[in-house]
Amino acid sequence: MTTSSARLRELLTAPQAARAAGAHDGLTARLVEEAGFDVVWASSFETSASRALPDMSLLTMTDYLQAASWMVQSTSLPVLADCDTGFGNRLNIAYTVRQYEAAGVAGICLEDKVFPKKNSFLAVGQTLEDPAEFAARIRVAKQAQHNPEFVVVARVEALIAGTGMADALARAHQYADAGADAILIHSKSQEPHEIQEFLEQWQRRTPVVVVPTTYFRWKTEEASRAGASLVIYANQGLRAAVQAVRDVLLEIRLTGDSTSSEDVIAPVKEIFRLTDVDTWNALES
C-alpha cells in the first residue's frame, strides 16, 4: 500500500502542480478532500485562530500535533503539517519529526525564522534564523525520520523579511544541500513577480511550494508553468467560515429567527453525512 508520504512525494514530482488547502481540524480536512484538493495543509495559522489566538508560537507542538492527527484520521489525502520553527532546538525538531511521522502525517514544513515566530503578514519586523543553523536543523530532521519517504519542507522567509532574492536563493540552496525534500518560498507581494524570479533561477533543483495568499490572482496553472510543484491555499477556508458565520449569526440576532438563513446554511443532515453518522449507527446495531 502506498503511504501518505509516498503519495505526497509523487505529487511533488508530478508534471503538473498539485493543490493543497488549509485546515485546522478533522471536519475542515474532510471538506478540503471533498472540494477536490490533493493535499491537506495542517495550518498553524488556522489552528491558532481556531483557539482565538494569534499565529505567534503560543501553542505547543502537542496542540498542533493533535490537530494534525484529527486531520489524518478524517481524510485519505496526505497531510502536510505547518510546524513553524520546529518548537525548539535541534532535539525538539527530531522529536517533532518522529511524533508527526508516528501520527501518519505525510510531511512537515519548517520555517527559517527565530522562535517565537510571528505570522509573515503581520506589520512587524521578521527575524531570520542563521542559515547554517537552520540547515543543521533540516539535516537533523532528515536523520530523525524512520520512514525514508517522510517529507521535510524547508520554508524560506527571506522575501518576507526583505533580505532580498540573493539571500532567498542562497538559503534555499543551503537547505537543499542539508537534505530538504522541497523548498517553500514565501512572499507578501501583491503580484507573483518575486516568486516567478525565484523559480526561474532555482531551475527545479528540488520541488518548490508556493502560497499565493497576497498574490491571489495567480492561477494554479500559471504557477505550474512557472515551475511550482505545490500551490497551497493556506487560509481561505477559515476566512470564508469566519465571514459566513458572522453574517448568519448577525442576521439571526437582528431578525429574531433563522428563517432567512436556512437557505444558505448546511442542513443538519449534511453534518450527519460529513460525520459518518450512518457508519456509527451501523456499528452500534
Protein backbone atom coordinates (compact mmCIF):
# COMPACT_ATOMS: atom_id res chain seq x y z
CA MET A 1 0.00 0.00 0.00
CA THR A 2 1.25 3.46 -0.91
CA THR A 3 1.93 5.53 2.21
CA SER A 4 0.71 9.09 2.52
CA SER A 5 4.34 10.26 2.45
CA ALA A 6 4.95 8.38 -0.80
CA ARG A 7 1.80 9.92 -2.27
CA LEU A 8 2.97 13.39 -1.27
CA ARG A 9 6.32 12.73 -2.95
CA GLU A 10 4.52 11.62 -6.11
CA LEU A 11 2.51 14.83 -6.14
CA LEU A 12 5.62 16.96 -5.61
CA THR A 13 7.36 15.37 -8.60
CA ALA A 14 4.36 15.20 -10.94
CA PRO A 15 4.39 17.20 -14.21
CA GLN A 16 1.56 19.46 -13.03
CA ALA A 17 1.41 21.38 -9.77
CA ALA A 18 -0.69 19.80 -7.02
CA ARG A 19 -3.11 21.84 -4.90
CA ALA A 20 -3.38 21.99 -1.12
CA ALA A 21 -5.82 23.82 1.12
CA GLY A 22 -5.54 24.77 4.75
CA ALA A 23 -7.43 23.05 7.56
CA HIS A 24 -7.45 23.13 11.34
CA ASP A 25 -9.47 20.05 12.34
CA GLY A 26 -10.92 16.84 11.00
CA LEU A 27 -14.05 18.42 9.55
CA THR A 28 -12.21 21.09 7.59
CA ALA A 29 -9.76 18.45 6.33
CA ARG A 30 -12.71 16.43 5.05
CA LEU A 31 -14.10 19.49 3.30
CA VAL A 32 -10.71 20.03 1.64
CA GLU A 33 -10.87 16.47 0.28
CA GLU A 34 -14.48 16.82 -0.91
CA ALA A 35 -13.56 20.03 -2.74
CA GLY A 36 -11.10 18.05 -4.84
CA PHE A 37 -7.75 19.20 -3.47
CA ASP A 38 -4.73 16.89 -3.48
CA VAL A 39 -3.19 17.69 -0.08
CA VAL A 40 -4.35 18.97 3.30
CA TRP A 41 -2.21 21.74 4.75
CA ALA A 42 -2.38 21.49 8.56
CA SER A 43 -2.14 25.22 9.02
CA SER A 44 -0.63 26.64 12.20
CA PHE A 45 -2.37 29.94 11.41
CA GLU A 46 -5.77 28.23 11.22
CA THR A 47 -5.12 26.04 14.25
CA SER A 48 -4.10 29.06 16.34
CA ALA A 49 -7.05 31.10 15.11
CA SER A 50 -9.45 28.26 15.96
CA ARG A 51 -8.33 28.76 19.58
CA ALA A 52 -8.85 32.54 19.22
CA LEU A 53 -5.07 33.01 19.41
CA PRO A 54 -2.68 34.78 17.04
CA ASP A 55 -0.15 32.91 14.91
CA MET A 56 2.76 33.79 17.22
CA SER A 57 4.12 30.46 18.56
CA LEU A 58 1.73 30.46 21.51
CA LEU A 59 0.53 26.88 21.12
CA THR A 60 2.74 23.87 21.76
CA MET A 61 3.83 21.04 19.50
CA THR A 62 1.27 18.83 21.25
CA ASP A 63 -1.54 21.24 20.33
CA TYR A 64 -0.60 21.32 16.65
CA LEU A 65 0.07 17.57 16.55
CA GLN A 66 -3.38 16.81 17.97
CA ALA A 67 -5.00 18.94 15.28
CA ALA A 68 -2.94 17.28 12.54
CA SER A 69 -3.79 13.83 13.92
CA TRP A 70 -7.52 14.54 13.62
CA MET A 71 -6.93 15.59 10.02
CA VAL A 72 -5.07 12.36 9.23
CA GLN A 73 -7.93 10.32 10.68
CA SER A 74 -10.58 12.26 8.77
CA THR A 75 -9.24 12.19 5.21
CA SER A 76 -7.50 9.92 2.74
CA LEU A 77 -5.37 12.81 1.48
CA PRO A 78 -1.76 13.27 2.55
CA VAL A 79 -1.42 15.84 5.33
CA LEU A 80 1.48 18.29 5.20
CA ALA A 81 1.85 19.94 8.60
CA ASP A 82 2.97 23.50 9.21
CA CYS A 83 5.37 23.19 12.16
CA ASP A 84 6.55 26.80 12.34
CA THR A 85 10.18 26.92 13.53
CA GLY A 86 10.18 23.39 14.93
CA PHE A 87 9.17 24.05 18.55
CA GLY A 88 12.69 24.48 19.92
CA ASN A 89 16.23 23.38 19.20
CA ARG A 90 17.59 20.52 17.09
CA LEU A 91 16.48 17.86 19.54
CA ASN A 92 12.95 19.29 19.61
CA ILE A 93 12.89 19.13 15.83
CA ALA A 94 13.98 15.48 15.88
CA TYR A 95 11.21 14.71 18.37
CA THR A 96 8.70 16.61 16.26
CA VAL A 97 9.57 14.58 13.18
CA ARG A 98 9.13 11.28 15.00
CA GLN A 99 5.85 12.29 16.60
CA TYR A 100 4.31 13.57 13.38
CA GLU A 101 5.59 10.56 11.47
CA ALA A 102 4.04 8.21 14.06
CA ALA A 103 0.72 10.06 13.71
CA GLY A 104 0.58 9.31 9.99
CA VAL A 105 1.35 12.84 8.79
CA ALA A 106 2.94 12.76 5.33
CA GLY A 107 5.44 15.54 5.97
CA ILE A 108 6.23 18.70 7.88
CA CYS A 109 7.26 22.22 6.93
CA LEU A 110 9.83 24.16 8.98
CA GLU A 111 10.49 27.87 8.51
CA ASP A 112 13.77 29.72 8.94
CA LYS A 113 12.66 32.34 11.48
CA VAL A 114 13.79 32.74 15.05
CA PHE A 115 11.45 31.39 17.75
CA PRO A 116 8.96 32.76 18.69
CA LYS A 117 7.86 33.38 15.13
CA LYS A 118 5.27 35.92 14.07
CA ASN A 119 2.92 35.45 11.15
CA SER A 120 4.51 36.51 7.90
CA PHE A 121 1.79 39.02 7.08
CA LEU A 122 1.95 40.96 10.34
CA ALA A 123 3.24 44.50 10.01
CA VAL A 124 6.26 43.80 12.21
CA GLY A 125 9.92 43.10 11.64
CA GLN A 126 10.79 39.47 10.97
CA THR A 127 13.96 37.93 12.42
CA LEU A 128 15.51 35.14 10.38
CA GLU A 129 17.47 32.23 11.79
CA ASP A 130 21.13 31.91 10.86
CA PRO A 131 21.04 29.85 7.64
CA ALA A 132 23.81 27.49 8.77
CA GLU A 133 21.91 26.71 11.97
CA PHE A 134 18.65 26.19 10.10
CA ALA A 135 20.40 23.92 7.60
CA ALA A 136 21.69 21.88 10.55
CA ARG A 137 18.11 21.58 11.83
CA ILE A 138 16.95 20.32 8.44
CA ARG A 139 19.77 17.77 8.49
CA VAL A 140 18.71 16.60 11.95
CA ALA A 141 15.09 16.37 10.83
CA LYS A 142 16.07 14.09 7.96
CA GLN A 143 18.26 11.97 10.19
CA ALA A 144 15.47 11.56 12.74
CA GLN A 145 12.83 10.15 10.42
CA HIS A 146 12.22 6.39 10.30
CA ASN A 147 10.24 6.30 7.06
CA PRO A 148 12.58 7.30 4.20
CA GLU A 149 9.59 8.71 2.29
CA PHE A 150 8.64 11.22 5.03
CA VAL A 151 8.82 14.72 3.55
CA VAL A 152 10.62 17.67 5.12
CA VAL A 153 9.93 21.04 3.50
CA ALA A 154 12.22 23.99 4.24
CA ARG A 155 10.38 27.31 4.18
CA VAL A 156 12.44 30.32 3.14
CA GLU A 157 11.29 33.64 4.62
CA ALA A 158 13.94 35.92 3.12
CA LEU A 159 11.49 37.68 0.79
CA ILE A 160 9.10 38.19 3.70
CA ALA A 161 11.89 39.68 5.83
CA GLY A 162 13.10 41.88 2.97
CA THR A 163 16.63 40.48 2.77
CA GLY A 164 16.42 40.04 -0.98
CA MET A 165 16.40 37.46 -3.74
CA ALA A 166 20.10 36.61 -3.46
CA ASP A 167 19.63 35.71 0.20
CA ALA A 168 16.50 33.70 -0.59
CA LEU A 169 18.31 31.66 -3.22
CA ALA A 170 21.41 31.16 -1.07
CA ARG A 171 19.30 29.94 1.83
CA ALA A 172 17.28 27.62 -0.39
CA HIS A 173 20.45 26.06 -1.84
CA GLN A 174 21.90 25.59 1.64
CA TYR A 175 18.72 23.90 2.86
CA ALA A 176 18.60 21.65 -0.20
CA ASP A 177 22.22 20.68 0.46
CA ALA A 178 21.15 19.75 4.00
CA GLY A 179 18.57 17.32 2.63
CA ALA A 180 15.32 19.29 2.36
CA ASP A 181 12.89 17.42 0.12
CA ALA A 182 11.25 20.64 -1.09
CA ILE A 183 11.58 24.38 -0.69
CA LEU A 184 8.66 26.64 0.21
CA ILE A 185 9.35 30.16 -0.99
CA HIS A 186 7.12 32.76 0.63
CA SER A 187 6.26 36.30 -0.44
CA LYS A 188 3.82 39.00 0.64
CA SER A 189 3.96 40.85 -2.65
CA GLN A 190 0.63 41.65 -4.30
CA GLU A 191 1.92 40.16 -7.57
CA PRO A 192 3.80 36.88 -8.22
CA HIS A 193 6.88 38.54 -9.72
CA GLU A 194 9.21 37.64 -6.83
CA ILE A 195 8.10 34.02 -6.92
CA GLN A 196 8.48 33.84 -10.68
CA GLU A 197 12.01 35.24 -10.43
CA PHE A 198 12.91 32.71 -7.75
CA LEU A 199 11.56 29.83 -9.84
CA GLU A 200 13.45 30.99 -12.91
CA GLN A 201 16.74 30.99 -11.02
CA TRP A 202 16.06 27.85 -8.98
CA GLN A 203 15.80 25.60 -12.06
CA ARG A 204 13.86 22.81 -10.33
CA ARG A 205 16.69 21.61 -8.10
CA THR A 206 14.03 20.42 -5.64
CA PRO A 207 10.26 20.79 -5.84
CA VAL A 208 9.07 24.28 -4.89
CA VAL A 209 5.96 25.07 -2.85
CA VAL A 210 4.20 28.43 -3.16
CA VAL A 211 1.47 30.10 -1.10
CA PRO A 212 -0.49 32.72 -3.12
CA THR A 213 -2.23 34.45 -0.23
CA THR A 214 -1.42 38.01 -1.27
CA TYR A 215 -0.80 37.39 -4.98
CA PHE A 216 -4.13 35.55 -5.21
CA ARG A 217 -4.80 36.30 -8.89
CA TRP A 218 -2.02 33.88 -9.91
CA LYS A 219 -3.79 30.76 -11.13
CA THR A 220 -2.61 27.27 -10.27
CA GLU A 221 -1.96 26.57 -13.95
CA GLU A 222 0.28 29.64 -14.21
CA ALA A 223 2.20 28.62 -11.10
CA SER A 224 2.65 25.15 -12.57
CA ARG A 225 4.02 26.50 -15.84
CA ALA A 226 6.41 28.70 -13.87
CA GLY A 227 7.82 25.62 -12.11
CA ALA A 228 5.89 25.34 -8.84
CA SER A 229 5.13 21.81 -7.66
CA LEU A 230 2.55 22.52 -4.94
CA VAL A 231 0.25 25.51 -4.52
CA ILE A 232 -1.15 25.99 -1.01
CA TYR A 233 -4.36 27.95 -0.41
CA ALA A 234 -3.43 28.18 3.22
CA ASN A 235 -6.20 30.08 4.99
CA GLN A 236 -9.04 30.87 2.58
CA GLY A 237 -11.32 28.23 4.13
CA LEU A 238 -11.03 29.68 7.61
CA ARG A 239 -11.54 33.21 6.34
CA ALA A 240 -14.66 32.12 4.43
CA ALA A 241 -16.04 30.40 7.51
CA VAL A 242 -15.48 33.45 9.71
CA GLN A 243 -17.37 35.70 7.29
CA ALA A 244 -20.23 33.23 6.77
CA VAL A 245 -20.71 32.51 10.48
CA ARG A 246 -20.62 36.20 11.33
CA ASP A 247 -23.22 37.05 8.67
CA VAL A 248 -25.62 34.27 9.68
CA LEU A 249 -25.42 34.94 13.41
CA LEU A 250 -25.92 38.67 12.90
CA GLU A 251 -28.93 38.01 10.69
CA ILE A 252 -30.49 35.70 13.30
CA ARG A 253 -29.93 38.26 16.07
CA LEU A 254 -31.45 41.07 14.01
CA THR A 255 -34.49 39.17 12.73
CA GLY A 256 -35.22 37.08 15.81
CA ASP A 257 -35.32 33.77 13.95
CA SER A 258 -33.23 31.78 11.46
CA THR A 259 -35.76 31.70 8.60
CA SER A 260 -33.74 33.86 6.22
CA SER A 261 -30.57 31.89 6.93
CA GLU A 262 -31.87 28.36 6.34
CA ASP A 263 -31.30 28.53 2.58
CA VAL A 264 -27.64 29.49 2.94
CA ILE A 265 -26.52 27.18 5.75
CA ALA A 266 -25.88 23.45 5.57
CA PRO A 267 -28.82 21.32 6.69
CA VAL A 268 -28.34 19.17 9.77
CA LYS A 269 -28.44 16.08 7.53
CA GLU A 270 -25.30 17.34 5.78
CA ILE A 271 -23.47 17.45 9.10
CA PHE A 272 -24.67 13.90 9.76
CA ARG A 273 -23.20 12.85 6.40
CA LEU A 274 -19.88 14.59 6.97
CA THR A 275 -19.54 12.97 10.39
CA ASP A 276 -20.42 9.44 9.15
CA VAL A 277 -23.50 9.04 11.34
CA ASP A 278 -24.77 6.06 9.31
CA THR A 279 -21.45 4.24 9.72
CA TRP A 280 -21.51 4.67 13.50
CA ASN A 281 -25.17 3.67 13.74
CA ALA A 282 -24.40 0.51 11.77
CA LEU A 283 -21.59 -0.37 14.16
CA GLU A 284 -23.92 0.00 17.13
CA SER A 285 -26.57 -2.27 15.62
